[in-house]
């Protein structure tokens, strides 16, 4: 398979200690990789028609919100959205152009967030994803997704967040629909996309604008846990990533583990 590797220069401020100061999900300068692909995205409802279940990678790709490139370029942007979008500037040397690239854009991170980043998190909540939208960065070089989370339980908080609140959480990546109709996925390798309608335990870092950055999350799928990040996002087998060890655990028992880690000082 042909691979074209390009360097990207993305410096994410890692600032802690003082309150309400941003900390990214350890996305340090890395490399962007593009690789050709033929991806058949299967939705949950497709399983009955095809006779087969979608893979975790296919589910993850289908969960990534879509931004229409042509519409986004012509849509007026208010100052609040512009400030949000600036945080994802300078992802690559050039802007996302009208000509579709040959394959997906994968940003390689040299940092790794812990599988249970309790100390790094300003907010840990159980919640449902009510909405998911993708946006271009302000300079047009990248894409990010914003998820609206309805909080059903607060496990850790350094902010006045309580049950039934709705909060916004961001993560680099999403899908871009080009004028040709082609969909291209932008993401950090190993990072998944929360699914609209899904219930998760989110580990979140508060940003300077009051919104949150997703460090990692775990889906409470039925009574079992499925890691948002890790091997499932690139089709590898379970155990390839530190997040994978939690997949398959009883959801309520895992939640108790998180609560115990918060009370014990975390990792």
Foldseek 3Di string as FASTA:
>chain_A
DDKDKAWFQDDFDDDDDDPLADHALQFHGFIKMFDADDDDQDDQVCCVVVVHGDFLQSHQQVQFAEDEPVCQVVDDDDPVVLVVLQSPPRGHDDADDLDDDRAAIETEGPDAADLQNLVQFQWKFKWAFADKHKHARNRRHFIKMKTKTQGQQTLHHPDPDGHRDIAIEMFTWGWYQHPVRDIYTYHYAFATHDHHGWIKTFRWHRHNVRHTYTNWIWTCDPQWTDTRGDDSNPVDDQPRDNNSVRGGDGNVVVVVVSSVCNVVVHD
